[in-house]
Amino acid sequence: MRADGLFIAVAVDDGVVDDAATAAKLAEVCPVDIFGDAGGRVELVEQNLDECVLCRLCLDAVGDVVQVIKLYDDGAEL
Protein backbone atom coordinates (compact mmCIF):
# COMPACT_ATOMS: atom_id res chain seq x y z
CA MET A 1 0.00 0.00 0.00
CA ARG A 2 1.32 3.43 -0.92
CA ALA A 3 -0.02 6.95 -0.85
CA ASP A 4 1.67 10.01 -2.33
CA GLY A 5 1.37 13.57 -1.13
CA LEU A 6 3.04 16.55 -2.76
CA PHE A 7 6.33 16.20 -0.85
CA ILE A 8 6.17 12.83 0.91
CA ALA A 9 5.05 9.33 -0.02
CA VAL A 10 4.44 6.61 2.52
CA ALA A 11 4.50 2.92 1.70
CA VAL A 12 3.45 0.08 3.97
CA ASP A 13 4.37 -3.52 3.19
CA ASP A 14 1.24 -5.31 1.96
CA GLY A 15 2.01 -8.20 4.30
CA VAL A 16 1.24 -6.11 7.40
CA VAL A 17 -1.65 -3.97 6.17
CA ASP A 18 -4.15 -6.31 7.86
CA ASP A 19 -2.12 -6.75 11.05
CA ALA A 20 -4.04 -5.22 13.95
CA ALA A 21 -0.96 -4.74 16.14
CA THR A 22 0.89 -2.86 13.38
CA ALA A 23 -2.15 -0.69 12.65
CA ALA A 24 -2.55 0.21 16.32
CA LYS A 25 1.16 0.95 16.81
CA LEU A 26 1.41 3.21 13.75
CA ALA A 27 -1.73 5.12 14.70
CA GLU A 28 -0.38 5.54 18.23
CA VAL A 29 3.11 6.83 17.41
CA CYS A 30 2.49 9.23 14.51
CA PRO A 31 2.29 12.80 15.87
CA VAL A 32 0.56 14.12 12.73
CA ASP A 33 -1.95 11.30 12.17
CA ILE A 34 -0.64 9.99 8.88
CA PHE A 35 -1.59 6.48 9.99
CA GLY A 36 -5.00 5.36 11.10
CA ASP A 37 -6.34 2.12 12.50
CA ALA A 38 -9.39 1.14 10.46
CA GLY A 39 -10.72 -1.77 12.46
CA GLY A 40 -7.35 -3.49 12.74
CA ARG A 41 -6.19 -2.49 9.27
CA VAL A 42 -3.48 0.08 8.51
CA GLU A 43 -4.96 3.17 6.92
CA LEU A 44 -2.99 6.00 5.30
CA VAL A 45 -4.61 9.40 5.82
CA GLU A 46 -3.68 11.03 2.54
CA GLN A 47 -4.58 14.60 3.51
CA ASN A 48 -2.01 14.38 6.33
CA LEU A 49 0.93 13.00 4.33
CA ASP A 50 2.63 16.32 3.76
CA GLU A 51 2.38 17.10 7.48
CA CYS A 52 5.15 14.53 8.08
CA VAL A 53 7.88 16.00 10.28
CA LEU A 54 10.39 13.24 9.42
CA CYS A 55 10.54 12.16 13.07
CA ARG A 56 11.13 8.46 12.26
CA LEU A 57 8.75 7.31 15.01
CA CYS A 58 6.88 5.06 12.57
CA LEU A 59 10.14 3.51 11.37
CA ASP A 60 11.35 2.97 14.92
CA ALA A 61 8.02 1.41 15.91
CA VAL A 62 7.60 -1.13 13.13
CA GLY A 63 10.91 -1.31 11.29
CA ASP A 64 11.33 -1.81 7.60
CA VAL A 65 7.66 -2.51 6.82
CA VAL A 66 7.17 1.25 6.41
CA GLN A 67 8.98 3.54 4.00
CA VAL A 68 8.89 7.32 4.08
CA ILE A 69 9.93 8.61 0.67
CA LYS A 70 10.99 12.21 0.11
CA LEU A 71 9.56 13.04 -3.30
CA TYR A 72 11.34 16.40 -3.30
CA ASP A 73 14.70 14.62 -2.97
CA ASP A 74 14.54 12.31 -5.99
CA GLY A 75 12.73 9.62 -4.02
CA ALA A 76 15.29 9.34 -1.22
CA GLU A 77 14.08 7.28 1.72
CA LEU A 78 14.08 8.62 5.23
C-alpha atoms as a PDB file:
ATOM      1  CA  MET A   1       0.000   0.000   0.000  1.00  0.00           C
ATOM      2  CA  ARG A   2       1.319   3.427  -0.920  1.00  0.00           C
ATOM      3  CA  ALA A   3      -0.018   6.954  -0.855  1.00  0.00           C
ATOM      4  CA  ASP A   4       1.669  10.009  -2.332  1.00  0.00           C
ATOM      5  CA  GLY A   5       1.374  13.573  -1.130  1.00  0.00           C
ATOM      6  CA  LEU A   6       3.040  16.546  -2.760  1.00  0.00           C
ATOM      7  CA  PHE A   7       6.332  16.198  -0.853  1.00  0.00           C
ATOM      8  CA  ILE A   8       6.171  12.834   0.907  1.00  0.00           C
ATOM      9  CA  ALA A   9       5.051   9.327  -0.025  1.00  0.00           C
ATOM     10  CA  VAL A  10       4.438   6.612   2.524  1.00  0.00           C
ATOM     11  CA  ALA A  11       4.501   2.917   1.699  1.00  0.00           C
ATOM     12  CA  VAL A  12       3.446   0.084   3.972  1.00  0.00           C
ATOM     13  CA  ASP A  13       4.370  -3.515   3.189  1.00  0.00           C
ATOM     14  CA  ASP A  14       1.243  -5.305   1.962  1.00  0.00           C
ATOM     15  CA  GLY A  15       2.011  -8.202   4.296  1.00  0.00           C
ATOM     16  CA  VAL A  16       1.241  -6.110   7.396  1.00  0.00           C
ATOM     17  CA  VAL A  17      -1.649  -3.972   6.169  1.00  0.00           C
ATOM     18  CA  ASP A  18      -4.145  -6.306   7.860  1.00  0.00           C
ATOM     19  CA  ASP A  19      -2.115  -6.747  11.047  1.00  0.00           C
ATOM     20  CA  ALA A  20      -4.041  -5.219  13.953  1.00  0.00           C
ATOM     21  CA  ALA A  21      -0.957  -4.739  16.139  1.00  0.00           C
ATOM     22  CA  THR A  22       0.886  -2.859  13.383  1.00  0.00           C
ATOM     23  CA  ALA A  23      -2.147  -0.686  12.651  1.00  0.00           C
ATOM     24  CA  ALA A  24      -2.545   0.206  16.322  1.00  0.00           C
ATOM     25  CA  LYS A  25       1.159   0.949  16.809  1.00  0.00           C
ATOM     26  CA  LEU A  26       1.413   3.206  13.746  1.00  0.00           C
ATOM     27  CA  ALA A  27      -1.727   5.123  14.695  1.00  0.00           C
ATOM     28  CA  GLU A  28      -0.377   5.542  18.227  1.00  0.00           C
ATOM     29  CA  VAL A  29       3.108   6.827  17.410  1.00  0.00           C
ATOM     30  CA  CYS A  30       2.493   9.228  14.507  1.00  0.00           C
ATOM     31  CA  PRO A  31       2.289  12.796  15.866  1.00  0.00           C
ATOM     32  CA  VAL A  32       0.556  14.124  12.732  1.00  0.00           C
ATOM     33  CA  ASP A  33      -1.946  11.297  12.174  1.00  0.00           C
ATOM     34  CA  ILE A  34      -0.637   9.988   8.877  1.00  0.00           C
ATOM     35  CA  PHE A  35      -1.590   6.475   9.986  1.00  0.00           C
ATOM     36  CA  GLY A  36      -4.995   5.361  11.096  1.00  0.00           C
ATOM     37  CA  ASP A  37      -6.344   2.116  12.502  1.00  0.00           C
ATOM     38  CA  ALA A  38      -9.387   1.144  10.456  1.00  0.00           C
ATOM     39  CA  GLY A  39     -10.725  -1.772  12.457  1.00  0.00           C
ATOM     40  CA  GLY A  40      -7.350  -3.489  12.736  1.00  0.00           C
ATOM     41  CA  ARG A  41      -6.188  -2.491   9.266  1.00  0.00           C
ATOM     42  CA  VAL A  42      -3.484   0.084   8.507  1.00  0.00           C
ATOM     43  CA  GLU A  43      -4.963   3.174   6.917  1.00  0.00           C
ATOM     44  CA  LEU A  44      -2.992   6.001   5.299  1.00  0.00           C
ATOM     45  CA  VAL A  45      -4.615   9.396   5.824  1.00  0.00           C
ATOM     46  CA  GLU A  46      -3.677  11.027   2.545  1.00  0.00           C
ATOM     47  CA  GLN A  47      -4.581  14.597   3.513  1.00  0.00           C
ATOM     48  CA  ASN A  48      -2.013  14.383   6.335  1.00  0.00           C
ATOM     49  CA  LEU A  49       0.930  12.998   4.330  1.00  0.00           C
ATOM     50  CA  ASP A  50       2.630  16.322   3.762  1.00  0.00           C
ATOM     51  CA  GLU A  51       2.381  17.096   7.481  1.00  0.00           C
ATOM     52  CA  CYS A  52       5.151  14.526   8.079  1.00  0.00           C
ATOM     53  CA  VAL A  53       7.881  16.003  10.280  1.00  0.00           C
ATOM     54  CA  LEU A  54      10.387  13.236   9.418  1.00  0.00           C
ATOM     55  CA  CYS A  55      10.542  12.160  13.066  1.00  0.00           C
ATOM     56  CA  ARG A  56      11.125   8.460  12.262  1.00  0.00           C
ATOM     57  CA  LEU A  57       8.750   7.306  15.012  1.00  0.00           C
ATOM     58  CA  CYS A  58       6.884   5.061  12.569  1.00  0.00           C
ATOM     59  CA  LEU A  59      10.140   3.515  11.374  1.00  0.00           C
ATOM     60  CA  ASP A  60      11.352   2.972  14.918  1.00  0.00           C
ATOM     61  CA  ALA A  61       8.023   1.411  15.910  1.00  0.00           C
ATOM     62  CA  VAL A  62       7.596  -1.133  13.128  1.00  0.00           C
ATOM     63  CA  GLY A  63      10.905  -1.314  11.292  1.00  0.00           C
ATOM     64  CA  ASP A  64      11.329  -1.810   7.595  1.00  0.00           C
ATOM     65  CA  VAL A  65       7.664  -2.512   6.817  1.00  0.00           C
ATOM     66  CA  VAL A  66       7.170   1.252   6.408  1.00  0.00           C
ATOM     67  CA  GLN A  67       8.981   3.536   3.997  1.00  0.00           C
ATOM     68  CA  VAL A  68       8.886   7.322   4.083  1.00  0.00           C
ATOM     69  CA  ILE A  69       9.930   8.612   0.668  1.00  0.00           C
ATOM     70  CA  LYS A  70      10.993  12.206   0.110  1.00  0.00           C
ATOM     71  CA  LEU A  71       9.555  13.037  -3.300  1.00  0.00           C
ATOM     72  CA  TYR A  72      11.337  16.402  -3.296  1.00  0.00           C
ATOM     73  CA  ASP A  73      14.701  14.622  -2.967  1.00  0.00           C
ATOM     74  CA  ASP A  74      14.537  12.307  -5.994  1.00  0.00           C
ATOM     75  CA  GLY A  75      12.730   9.618  -4.019  1.00  0.00           C
ATOM     76  CA  ALA A  76      15.294   9.337  -1.216  1.00  0.00           C
ATOM     77  CA  GLU A  77      14.083   7.277   1.717  1.00  0.00           C
ATOM     78  CA  LEU A  78      14.079   8.624   5.227  1.00  0.00           C
END
